[in-house]
Amino acid sequence: MVRKRRSSRRKSSRKGNVYLGKRVRDTRRPGLDNLREVRGIANAIVYDYTHHKIPYRTAMSRMNLLELVVSRDSDFQGRKEAQARAIIDQARARLMRMRR
């Protein structure tokens, strides 16, 4: 009887800064920390979709990831988080309108 070896590798959880775009300038501290960056990244995702650089599914996945990052970031709390989510929802709505 031959036993299969289990790999002892663990999936490493990624800690650190998440960057969703290269065209948006990082202002102040590294990572996502203000509404201007959220708006810029959301607009960059829409731009990439409209110029056929990424498919619709990828664009929506990036929007979802952006919303997840905003919800977990300590820089976005209370009113600032609500404003960031509103920006993301507006960009998501634009993507949905373009797809029809």
PDB file of N, CA and C in Angstrom:
ATOM      1  N   MET A   1       0.839  -1.172   0.000  1.00  0.00           N
ATOM      2  CA  MET A   1       0.000   0.000   0.000  1.00  0.00           C
ATOM      3  C   MET A   1       0.893   1.247   0.000  1.00  0.00           C
ATOM      4  N   VAL A   2       0.606   2.149  -0.919  1.00  0.00           N
ATOM      5  CA  VAL A   2       1.389   3.371  -1.047  1.00  0.00           C
ATOM      6  C   VAL A   2       0.585   4.535  -0.485  1.00  0.00           C
ATOM      7  N   ARG A   3       1.193   5.258   0.416  1.00  0.00           N
ATOM      8  CA  ARG A   3       0.511   6.407   1.011  1.00  0.00           C
ATOM      9  C   ARG A   3       0.869   7.671   0.240  1.00  0.00           C
ATOM     10  N   LYS A   4      -0.119   8.483   0.073  1.00  0.00           N
ATOM     11  CA  LYS A   4       0.139   9.760  -0.568  1.00  0.00           C
ATOM     12  C   LYS A   4       0.589  10.751   0.486  1.00  0.00           C
ATOM     13  N   ARG A   5       1.589  11.504   0.138  1.00  0.00           N
ATOM     14  CA  ARG A   5       2.073  12.523   1.072  1.00  0.00           C
ATOM     15  C   ARG A   5       1.257  13.781   0.943  1.00  0.00           C
ATOM     16  N   ARG A   6       0.872  14.297   2.047  1.00  0.00           N
ATOM     17  CA  ARG A   6       0.183  15.585   2.042  1.00  0.00           C
ATOM     18  C   ARG A   6       1.223  16.689   2.044  1.00  0.00           C
ATOM     19  N   SER A   7       0.945  17.657   1.260  1.00  0.00           N
ATOM     20  CA  SER A   7       1.907  18.760   1.255  1.00  0.00           C
ATOM     21  C   SER A   7       1.678  19.607   2.504  1.00  0.00           C
ATOM     22  N   SER A   8       2.755  20.009   3.083  1.00  0.00           N
ATOM     23  CA  SER A   8       2.659  20.793   4.318  1.00  0.00           C
ATOM     24  C   SER A   8       2.650  22.290   4.031  1.00  0.00           C
ATOM     25  N   ARG A   9       2.468  22.632   2.776  1.00  0.00           N
ATOM     26  CA  ARG A   9       2.449  24.045   2.415  1.00  0.00           C
ATOM     27  C   ARG A   9       1.140  24.678   2.852  1.00  0.00           C
ATOM     28  N   ARG A  10       1.258  25.832   3.384  1.00  0.00           N
ATOM     29  CA  ARG A  10       0.075  26.585   3.773  1.00  0.00           C
ATOM     30  C   ARG A  10      -0.121  27.716   2.792  1.00  0.00           C
ATOM     31  N   LYS A  11      -1.352  28.033   2.575  1.00  0.00           N
ATOM     32  CA  LYS A  11      -1.620  29.186   1.741  1.00  0.00           C
ATOM     33  C   LYS A  11      -1.294  30.426   2.548  1.00  0.00           C
ATOM     34  N   SER A  12      -0.511  31.260   1.975  1.00  0.00           N
ATOM     35  CA  SER A  12      -0.140  32.466   2.708  1.00  0.00           C
ATOM     36  C   SER A  12      -1.174  33.546   2.453  1.00  0.00           C
ATOM     37  N   SER A  13      -1.624  34.155   3.502  1.00  0.00           N
ATOM     38  CA  SER A  13      -2.556  35.261   3.332  1.00  0.00           C
ATOM     39  C   SER A  13      -1.747  36.508   3.027  1.00  0.00           C
ATOM     40  N   ARG A  14      -2.217  37.236   2.066  1.00  0.00           N
ATOM     41  CA  ARG A  14      -1.484  38.418   1.627  1.00  0.00           C
ATOM     42  C   ARG A  14      -1.800  39.583   2.558  1.00  0.00           C
ATOM     43  N   LYS A  15      -0.794  40.097   3.156  1.00  0.00           N
ATOM     44  CA  LYS A  15      -0.939  41.270   3.998  1.00  0.00           C
ATOM     45  C   LYS A  15      -0.188  42.399   3.334  1.00  0.00           C
ATOM     46  N   GLY A  16      -0.663  43.578   3.544  1.00  0.00           N
ATOM     47  CA  GLY A  16       0.024  44.713   2.952  1.00  0.00           C
ATOM     48  C   GLY A  16      -0.909  45.532   2.093  1.00  0.00           C
ATOM     49  N   ASN A  17      -0.345  46.288   1.202  1.00  0.00           N
ATOM     50  CA  ASN A  17      -1.116  47.205   0.379  1.00  0.00           C
ATOM     51  C   ASN A  17      -1.661  46.503  -0.856  1.00  0.00           C
ATOM     52  N   VAL A  18      -2.899  46.832  -1.213  1.00  0.00           N
ATOM     53  CA  VAL A  18      -3.531  46.295  -2.401  1.00  0.00           C
ATOM     54  C   VAL A  18      -3.626  47.414  -3.419  1.00  0.00           C
ATOM     55  N   TYR A  19      -3.104  47.186  -4.594  1.00  0.00           N
ATOM     56  CA  TYR A  19      -3.171  48.179  -5.663  1.00  0.00           C
ATOM     57  C   TYR A  19      -4.016  47.621  -6.793  1.00  0.00           C
ATOM     58  N   LEU A  20      -5.057  48.346  -7.164  1.00  0.00           N
ATOM     59  CA  LEU A  20      -5.950  47.899  -8.223  1.00  0.00           C
ATOM     60  C   LEU A  20      -5.669  48.594  -9.539  1.00  0.00           C
ATOM     61  N   GLY A  21      -4.823  49.579  -9.534  1.00  0.00           N
ATOM     62  CA  GLY A  21      -4.544  50.283 -10.769  1.00  0.00           C
ATOM     63  C   GLY A  21      -3.190  50.951 -10.713  1.00  0.00           C
ATOM     64  N   LYS A  22      -2.638  51.203 -11.892  1.00  0.00           N
ATOM     65  CA  LYS A  22      -1.327  51.834 -11.957  1.00  0.00           C
ATOM     66  C   LYS A  22      -1.425  53.289 -12.381  1.00  0.00           C
ATOM     67  N   ARG A  23      -2.547  53.675 -12.967  1.00  0.00           N
ATOM     68  CA  ARG A  23      -2.670  55.038 -13.463  1.00  0.00           C
ATOM     69  C   ARG A  23      -3.044  56.038 -12.375  1.00  0.00           C
ATOM     70  N   VAL A  24      -3.602  55.563 -11.283  1.00  0.00           N
ATOM     71  CA  VAL A  24      -4.033  56.459 -10.212  1.00  0.00           C
ATOM     72  C   VAL A  24      -2.857  56.733  -9.292  1.00  0.00           C
ATOM     73  N   ARG A  25      -2.547  57.990  -9.123  1.00  0.00           N
ATOM     74  CA  ARG A  25      -1.424  58.369  -8.259  1.00  0.00           C
ATOM     75  C   ARG A  25      -1.745  58.074  -6.808  1.00  0.00           C
ATOM     76  N   ASP A  26      -0.764  57.574  -6.106  1.00  0.00           N
ATOM     77  CA  ASP A  26      -0.917  57.295  -4.688  1.00  0.00           C
ATOM     78  C   ASP A  26      -0.578  58.570  -3.920  1.00  0.00           C
ATOM     79  N   THR A  27      -1.557  59.111  -3.237  1.00  0.00           N
ATOM     80  CA  THR A  27      -1.336  60.342  -2.492  1.00  0.00           C
ATOM     81  C   THR A  27      -1.209  60.020  -1.009  1.00  0.00           C
ATOM     82  N   ARG A  28      -0.514  60.843  -0.322  1.00  0.00           N
ATOM     83  CA  ARG A  28      -0.260  60.677   1.119  1.00  0.00           C
ATOM     84  C   ARG A  28       0.434  59.359   1.416  1.00  0.00           C
ATOM     85  N   ARG A  29      -0.203  58.509   2.219  1.00  0.00           N
ATOM     86  CA  ARG A  29       0.417  57.247   2.634  1.00  0.00           C
ATOM     87  C   ARG A  29       0.246  56.161   1.574  1.00  0.00           C
ATOM     88  N   PRO A  30       1.062  55.109   1.620  1.00  0.00           N
ATOM     89  CA  PRO A  30       0.898  54.006   0.664  1.00  0.00           C
ATOM     90  C   PRO A  30      -0.447  53.312   0.868  1.00  0.00           C
ATOM     91  N   GLY A  31      -1.044  52.876  -0.213  1.00  0.00           N
ATOM     92  CA  GLY A  31      -2.318  52.184  -0.139  1.00  0.00           C
ATOM     93  C   GLY A  31      -3.485  53.134  -0.343  1.00  0.00           C
ATOM     94  N   LEU A  32      -4.653  52.625  -0.127  1.00  0.00           N
ATOM     95  CA  LEU A  32      -5.887  53.365  -0.341  1.00  0.00           C
ATOM     96  C   LEU A  32      -6.235  54.127   0.929  1.00  0.00           C
ATOM     97  N   ASP A  33      -6.239  55.460   0.863  1.00  0.00           N
ATOM     98  CA  ASP A  33      -6.516  56.194   2.098  1.00  0.00           C
ATOM     99  C   ASP A  33      -7.385  57.433   1.930  1.00  0.00           C
ATOM    100  N   ASN A  34      -7.839  57.752   0.705  1.00  0.00           N
ATOM    101  CA  ASN A  34      -8.760  58.876   0.579  1.00  0.00           C
ATOM    102  C   ASN A  34      -9.735  58.663  -0.564  1.00  0.00           C
ATOM    103  N   LEU A  35     -10.755  59.495  -0.609  1.00  0.00           N
ATOM    104  CA  LEU A  35     -11.829  59.338  -1.584  1.00  0.00           C
ATOM    105  C   LEU A  35     -11.365  59.615  -3.011  1.00  0.00           C
ATOM    106  N   ARG A  36     -10.384  60.473  -3.169  1.00  0.00           N
ATOM    107  CA  ARG A  36      -9.873  60.775  -4.513  1.00  0.00           C
ATOM    108  C   ARG A  36      -9.294  59.517  -5.153  1.00  0.00           C
ATOM    109  N   GLU A  37      -8.593  58.725  -4.369  1.00  0.00           N
ATOM    110  CA  GLU A  37      -8.027  57.488  -4.895  1.00  0.00           C
ATOM    111  C   GLU A  37      -9.126  56.483  -5.238  1.00  0.00           C
ATOM    112  N   VAL A  38     -10.152  56.399  -4.405  1.00  0.00           N
ATOM    113  CA  VAL A  38     -11.272  55.488  -4.681  1.00  0.00           C
ATOM    114  C   VAL A  38     -11.941  55.889  -5.989  1.00  0.00           C
ATOM    115  N   ARG A  39     -12.217  57.176  -6.158  1.00  0.00           N
ATOM    116  CA  ARG A  39     -12.852  57.670  -7.380  1.00  0.00           C
ATOM    117  C   ARG A  39     -11.957  57.408  -8.592  1.00  0.00           C
ATOM    118  N   GLY A  40     -10.664  57.648  -8.445  1.00  0.00           N
ATOM    119  CA  GLY A  40      -9.738  57.426  -9.547  1.00  0.00           C
ATOM    120  C   GLY A  40      -9.656  55.976  -9.962  1.00  0.00           C
ATOM    121  N   ILE A  41      -9.608  55.074  -9.001  1.00  0.00           N
ATOM    122  CA  ILE A  41      -9.530  53.648  -9.314  1.00  0.00           C
ATOM    123  C   ILE A  41     -10.829  53.170  -9.956  1.00  0.00           C
ATOM    124  N   ALA A  42     -11.973  53.603  -9.424  1.00  0.00           N
ATOM    125  CA  ALA A  42     -13.262  53.216 -10.001  1.00  0.00           C
ATOM    126  C   ALA A  42     -13.372  53.713 -11.436  1.00  0.00           C
ATOM    127  N   ASN A  43     -12.957  54.956 -11.692  1.00  0.00           N
ATOM    128  CA  ASN A  43     -12.999  55.503 -13.045  1.00  0.00           C
ATOM    129  C   ASN A  43     -12.021  54.774 -13.970  1.00  0.00           C
ATOM    130  N   ALA A  44     -10.875  54.369 -13.439  1.00  0.00           N
ATOM    131  CA  ALA A  44      -9.897  53.636 -14.242  1.00  0.00           C
ATOM    132  C   ALA A  44     -10.439  52.265 -14.647  1.00  0.00           C
ATOM    133  N   ILE A  45     -11.180  51.622 -13.758  1.00  0.00           N
ATOM    134  CA  ILE A  45     -11.781  50.326 -14.079  1.00  0.00           C
ATOM    135  C   ILE A  45     -12.805  50.491 -15.196  1.00  0.00           C
ATOM    136  N   VAL A  46     -13.646  51.522 -15.088  1.00  0.00           N
ATOM    137  CA  VAL A  46     -14.645  51.796 -16.133  1.00  0.00           C
ATOM    138  C   VAL A  46     -13.944  52.120 -17.451  1.00  0.00           C
ATOM    139  N   TYR A  47     -12.885  52.905 -17.390  1.00  0.00           N
ATOM    140  CA  TYR A  47     -12.117  53.262 -18.593  1.00  0.00           C
ATOM    141  C   TYR A  47     -11.549  52.014 -19.262  1.00  0.00           C
ATOM    142  N   ASP A  48     -10.973  51.128 -18.472  1.00  0.00           N
ATOM    143  CA  ASP A  48     -10.411  49.894 -19.024  1.00  0.00           C
ATOM    144  C   ASP A  48     -11.483  49.057 -19.715  1.00  0.00           C
ATOM    145  N   TYR A  49     -12.680  49.022 -19.133  1.00  0.00           N
ATOM    146  CA  TYR A  49     -13.770  48.255 -19.741  1.00  0.00           C
ATOM    147  C   TYR A  49     -14.239  48.917 -21.036  1.00  0.00           C
ATOM    148  N   THR A  50     -14.400  50.228 -21.029  1.00  0.00           N
ATOM    149  CA  THR A  50     -14.900  50.906 -22.224  1.00  0.00           C
ATOM    150  C   THR A  50     -13.907  50.860 -23.378  1.00  0.00           C
ATOM    151  N   HIS A  51     -12.637  50.764 -23.071  1.00  0.00           N
ATOM    152  CA  HIS A  51     -11.616  50.691 -24.115  1.00  0.00           C
ATOM    153  C   HIS A  51     -11.188  49.244 -24.394  1.00  0.00           C
ATOM    154  N   HIS A  52     -12.016  48.288 -23.969  1.00  0.00           N
ATOM    155  CA  HIS A  52     -11.844  46.862 -24.262  1.00  0.00           C
ATOM    156  C   HIS A  52     -10.498  46.305 -23.798  1.00  0.00           C
ATOM    157  N   LYS A  53     -10.024  46.801 -22.676  1.00  0.00           N
ATOM    158  CA  LYS A  53      -8.785  46.263 -22.113  1.00  0.00           C
ATOM    159  C   LYS A  53      -9.071  45.106 -21.160  1.00  0.00           C
ATOM    160  N   ILE A  54     -10.251  45.135 -20.539  1.00  0.00           N
ATOM    161  CA  ILE A  54     -10.658  44.048 -19.642  1.00  0.00           C
ATOM    162  C   ILE A  54     -12.114  43.701 -19.939  1.00  0.00           C
ATOM    163  N   PRO A  55     -12.510  42.438 -19.721  1.00  0.00           N
ATOM    164  CA  PRO A  55     -13.909  42.064 -19.916  1.00  0.00           C
ATOM    165  C   PRO A  55     -14.788  42.538 -18.755  1.00  0.00           C
ATOM    166  N   TYR A  56     -16.083  42.443 -18.967  1.00  0.00           N
ATOM    167  CA  TYR A  56     -17.060  42.903 -17.971  1.00  0.00           C
ATOM    168  C   TYR A  56     -16.868  42.175 -16.646  1.00  0.00           C
ATOM    169  N   ARG A  57     -16.668  40.888 -16.715  1.00  0.00           N
ATOM    170  CA  ARG A  57     -16.515  40.091 -15.497  1.00  0.00           C
ATOM    171  C   ARG A  57     -15.317  40.553 -14.664  1.00  0.00           C
ATOM    172  N   THR A  58     -14.212  40.832 -15.321  1.00  0.00           N
ATOM    173  CA  THR A  58     -13.023  41.321 -14.618  1.00  0.00           C
ATOM    174  C   THR A  58     -13.280  42.686 -14.008  1.00  0.00           C
ATOM    175  N   ALA A  59     -13.973  43.541 -14.759  1.00  0.00           N
ATOM    176  CA  ALA A  59     -14.281  44.879 -14.250  1.00  0.00           C
ATOM    177  C   ALA A  59     -15.148  44.803 -12.992  1.00  0.00           C
ATOM    178  N   MET A  60     -16.152  43.945 -13.016  1.00  0.00           N
ATOM    179  CA  MET A  60     -17.015  43.814 -11.840  1.00  0.00           C
ATOM    180  C   MET A  60     -16.262  43.174 -10.675  1.00  0.00           C
ATOM    181  N   SER A  61     -15.370  42.249 -10.969  1.00  0.00           N
ATOM    182  CA  SER A  61     -14.567  41.643  -9.901  1.00  0.00           C
ATOM    183  C   SER A  61     -13.677  42.677  -9.240  1.00  0.00           C
ATOM    184  N   ARG A  62     -13.107  43.569 -10.047  1.00  0.00           N
ATOM    185  CA  ARG A  62     -12.267  44.624  -9.483  1.00  0.00           C
ATOM    186  C   ARG A  62     -13.086  45.609  -8.665  1.00  0.00           C
ATOM    187  N   MET A  63     -14.302  45.891  -9.109  1.00  0.00           N
ATOM    188  CA  MET A  63     -15.184  46.767  -8.318  1.00  0.00           C
ATOM    189  C   MET A  63     -15.502  46.117  -6.972  1.00  0.00           C
ATOM    190  N   ASN A  64     -15.789  44.832  -7.003  1.00  0.00           N
ATOM    191  CA  ASN A  64     -16.086  44.121  -5.757  1.00  0.00           C
ATOM    192  C   ASN A  64     -14.880  44.109  -4.825  1.00  0.00           C
ATOM    193  N   LEU A  65     -13.698  43.925  -5.387  1.00  0.00           N
ATOM    194  CA  LEU A  65     -12.484  43.943  -4.575  1.00  0.00           C
ATOM    195  C   LEU A  65     -12.246  45.333  -3.993  1.00  0.00           C
ATOM    196  N   LEU A  66     -12.497  46.358  -4.784  1.00  0.00           N
ATOM    197  CA  LEU A  66     -12.355  47.724  -4.290  1.00  0.00           C
ATOM    198  C   LEU A  66     -13.311  47.981  -3.126  1.00  0.00           C
ATOM    199  N   GLU A  67     -14.539  47.503  -3.246  1.00  0.00           N
ATOM    200  CA  GLU A  67     -15.502  47.675  -2.156  1.00  0.00           C
ATOM    201  C   GLU A  67     -15.073  46.896  -0.915  1.00  0.00           C
ATOM    202  N   LEU A  68     -14.528  45.721  -1.100  1.00  0.00           N
ATOM    203  CA  LEU A  68     -14.044  44.926   0.031  1.00  0.00           C
ATOM    204  C   LEU A  68     -12.896  45.631   0.740  1.00  0.00           C
ATOM    205  N   VAL A  69     -11.980  46.187  -0.035  1.00  0.00           N
ATOM    206  CA  VAL A  69     -10.843  46.898   0.552  1.00  0.00           C
ATOM    207  C   VAL A  69     -11.329  48.100   1.355  1.00  0.00           C
ATOM    208  N   VAL A  70     -12.291  48.826   0.805  1.00  0.00           N
ATOM    209  CA  VAL A  70     -12.834  49.992   1.504  1.00  0.00           C
ATOM    210  C   VAL A  70     -13.526  49.571   2.794  1.00  0.00           C
ATOM    211  N   SER A  71     -14.273  48.465   2.750  1.00  0.00           N
ATOM    212  CA  SER A  71     -15.012  48.046   3.946  1.00  0.00           C
ATOM    213  C   SER A  71     -14.088  47.572   5.062  1.00  0.00           C
ATOM    214  N   ARG A  72     -12.910  47.064   4.707  1.00  0.00           N
ATOM    215  CA  ARG A  72     -11.997  46.544   5.723  1.00  0.00           C
ATOM    216  C   ARG A  72     -10.923  47.532   6.157  1.00  0.00           C
ATOM    217  N   ASP A  73     -10.814  48.632   5.439  1.00  0.00           N
ATOM    218  CA  ASP A  73      -9.759  49.602   5.727  1.00  0.00           C
ATOM    219  C   ASP A  73     -10.159  50.487   6.905  1.00  0.00           C
ATOM    220  N   SER A  74      -9.247  50.693   7.820  1.00  0.00           N
ATOM    221  CA  SER A  74      -9.546  51.519   8.995  1.00  0.00           C
ATOM    222  C   SER A  74      -9.574  53.003   8.654  1.00  0.00           C
ATOM    223  N   ASP A  75      -9.032  53.389   7.496  1.00  0.00           N
ATOM    224  CA  ASP A  75      -9.093  54.787   7.084  1.00  0.00           C
ATOM    225  C   ASP A  75     -10.503  55.196   6.674  1.00  0.00           C
ATOM    226  N   PHE A  76     -11.315  54.224   6.287  1.00  0.00           N
ATOM    227  CA  PHE A  76     -12.675  54.491   5.841  1.00  0.00           C
ATOM    228  C   PHE A  76     -13.650  54.018   6.912  1.00  0.00           C
ATOM    229  N   GLN A  77     -14.145  54.947   7.682  1.00  0.00           N
ATOM    230  CA  GLN A  77     -15.125  54.620   8.710  1.00  0.00           C
ATOM    231  C   GLN A  77     -16.215  55.676   8.707  1.00  0.00           C
ATOM    232  N   GLY A  78     -17.425  55.251   8.991  1.00  0.00           N
ATOM    233  CA  GLY A  78     -18.535  56.183   9.109  1.00  0.00           C
ATOM    234  C   GLY A  78     -18.910  56.821   7.780  1.00  0.00           C
ATOM    235  N   ARG A  79     -18.955  58.137   7.774  1.00  0.00           N
ATOM    236  CA  ARG A  79     -19.398  58.889   6.605  1.00  0.00           C
ATOM    237  C   ARG A  79     -18.453  58.699   5.414  1.00  0.00           C
ATOM    238  N   LYS A  80     -17.182  58.637   5.683  1.00  0.00           N
ATOM    239  CA  LYS A  80     -16.191  58.460   4.615  1.00  0.00           C
ATOM    240  C   LYS A  80     -16.388  57.113   3.912  1.00  0.00           C
ATOM    241  N   GLU A  81     -16.696  56.078   4.676  1.00  0.00           N
ATOM    242  CA  GLU A  81     -16.950  54.768   4.079  1.00  0.00           C
ATOM    243  C   GLU A  81     -18.215  54.804   3.233  1.00  0.00           C
ATOM    244  N   ALA A  82     -19.242  55.478   3.718  1.00  0.00           N
ATOM    245  CA  ALA A  82     -20.495  55.590   2.967  1.00  0.00           C
ATOM    246  C   ALA A  82     -20.276  56.333   1.651  1.00  0.00           C
ATOM    247  N   GLN A  83     -19.471  57.380   1.691  1.00  0.00           N
ATOM    248  CA  GLN A  83     -19.174  58.134   0.469  1.00  0.00           C
ATOM    249  C   GLN A  83     -18.383  57.277  -0.513  1.00  0.00           C
ATOM    250  N   ALA A  84     -17.429  56.514  -0.013  1.00  0.00           N
ATOM    251  CA  ALA A  84     -16.630  55.645  -0.880  1.00  0.00           C
ATOM    252  C   ALA A  84     -17.503  54.571  -1.518  1.00  0.00           C
ATOM    253  N   ARG A  85     -18.402  53.994  -0.743  1.00  0.00           N
ATOM    254  CA  ARG A  85     -19.313  52.986  -1.298  1.00  0.00           C
ATOM    255  C   ARG A  85     -20.249  53.588  -2.335  1.00  0.00           C
ATOM    256  N   ALA A  86     -20.675  54.832  -2.119  1.00  0.00           N
ATOM    257  CA  ALA A  86     -21.529  55.507  -3.097  1.00  0.00           C
ATOM    258  C   ALA A  86     -20.782  55.719  -4.416  1.00  0.00           C
ATOM    259  N   ILE A  87     -19.506  56.082  -4.333  1.00  0.00           N
ATOM    260  CA  ILE A  87     -18.685  56.258  -5.531  1.00  0.00           C
ATOM    261  C   ILE A  87     -18.568  54.936  -6.283  1.00  0.00           C
ATOM    262  N   ILE A  88     -18.323  53.864  -5.551  1.00  0.00           N
ATOM    263  CA  ILE A  88     -18.180  52.545  -6.165  1.00  0.00           C
ATOM    264  C   ILE A  88     -19.499  52.101  -6.791  1.00  0.00           C
ATOM    265  N   ASP A  89     -20.619  52.350  -6.099  1.00  0.00           N
ATOM    266  CA  ASP A  89     -21.928  51.967  -6.629  1.00  0.00           C
ATOM    267  C   ASP A  89     -22.263  52.738  -7.904  1.00  0.00           C
ATOM    268  N   GLN A  90     -21.890  54.013  -7.963  1.00  0.00           N
ATOM    269  CA  GLN A  90     -22.122  54.792  -9.181  1.00  0.00           C
ATOM    270  C   GLN A  90     -21.318  54.233 -10.344  1.00  0.00           C
ATOM    271  N   ALA A  91     -20.062  53.884 -10.102  1.00  0.00           N
ATOM    272  CA  ALA A  91     -19.229  53.315 -11.156  1.00  0.00           C
ATOM    273  C   ALA A  91     -19.761  51.949 -11.583  1.00  0.00           C
ATOM    274  N   ARG A  92     -20.236  51.167 -10.629  1.00  0.00           N
ATOM    275  CA  ARG A  92     -20.810  49.856 -10.940  1.00  0.00           C
ATOM    276  C   ARG A  92     -22.067  50.011 -11.795  1.00  0.00           C
ATOM    277  N   ALA A  93     -22.875  51.016 -11.481  1.00  0.00           N
ATOM    278  CA  ALA A  93     -24.089  51.279 -12.264  1.00  0.00           C
ATOM    279  C   ALA A  93     -23.733  51.691 -13.697  1.00  0.00           C
ATOM    280  N   ARG A  94     -22.661  52.479 -13.848  1.00  0.00           N
ATOM    281  CA  ARG A  94     -22.221  52.851 -15.204  1.00  0.00           C
ATOM    282  C   ARG A  94     -21.810  51.620 -16.002  1.00  0.00           C
ATOM    283  N   LEU A  95     -21.093  50.705 -15.351  1.00  0.00           N
ATOM    284  CA  LEU A  95     -20.697  49.471 -16.019  1.00  0.00           C
ATOM    285  C   LEU A  95     -21.924  48.671 -16.456  1.00  0.00           C
ATOM    286  N   MET A  96     -22.912  48.579 -15.601  1.00  0.00           N
ATOM    287  CA  MET A  96     -24.122  47.810 -15.915  1.00  0.00           C
ATOM    288  C   MET A  96     -24.887  48.452 -17.074  1.00  0.00           C
ATOM    289  N   ARG A  97     -24.951  49.779 -17.100  1.00  0.00           N
ATOM    290  CA  ARG A  97     -25.639  50.465 -18.202  1.00  0.00           C
ATOM    291  C   ARG A  97     -24.916  50.240 -19.524  1.00  0.00           C
ATOM    292  N   MET A  98     -23.590  50.232 -19.505  1.00  0.00           N
ATOM    293  CA  MET A  98     -22.817  50.046 -20.737  1.00  0.00           C
ATOM    294  C   MET A  98     -22.963  48.639 -21.292  1.00  0.00           C
ATOM    295  N   ARG A  99     -23.194  47.707 -20.430  1.00  0.00           N
ATOM    296  CA  ARG A  99     -23.270  46.304 -20.873  1.00  0.00           C
ATOM    297  C   ARG A  99     -24.555  46.036 -21.637  1.00  0.00           C
ATOM    298  N   ARG A 100     -25.618  46.756 -21.323  1.00  0.00           N
ATOM    299  CA  ARG A 100     -26.928  46.498 -21.972  1.00  0.00           C
ATOM    300  C   ARG A 100     -26.931  46.816 -23.416  1.00  0.00           C
TER     301      ARG A 100
END
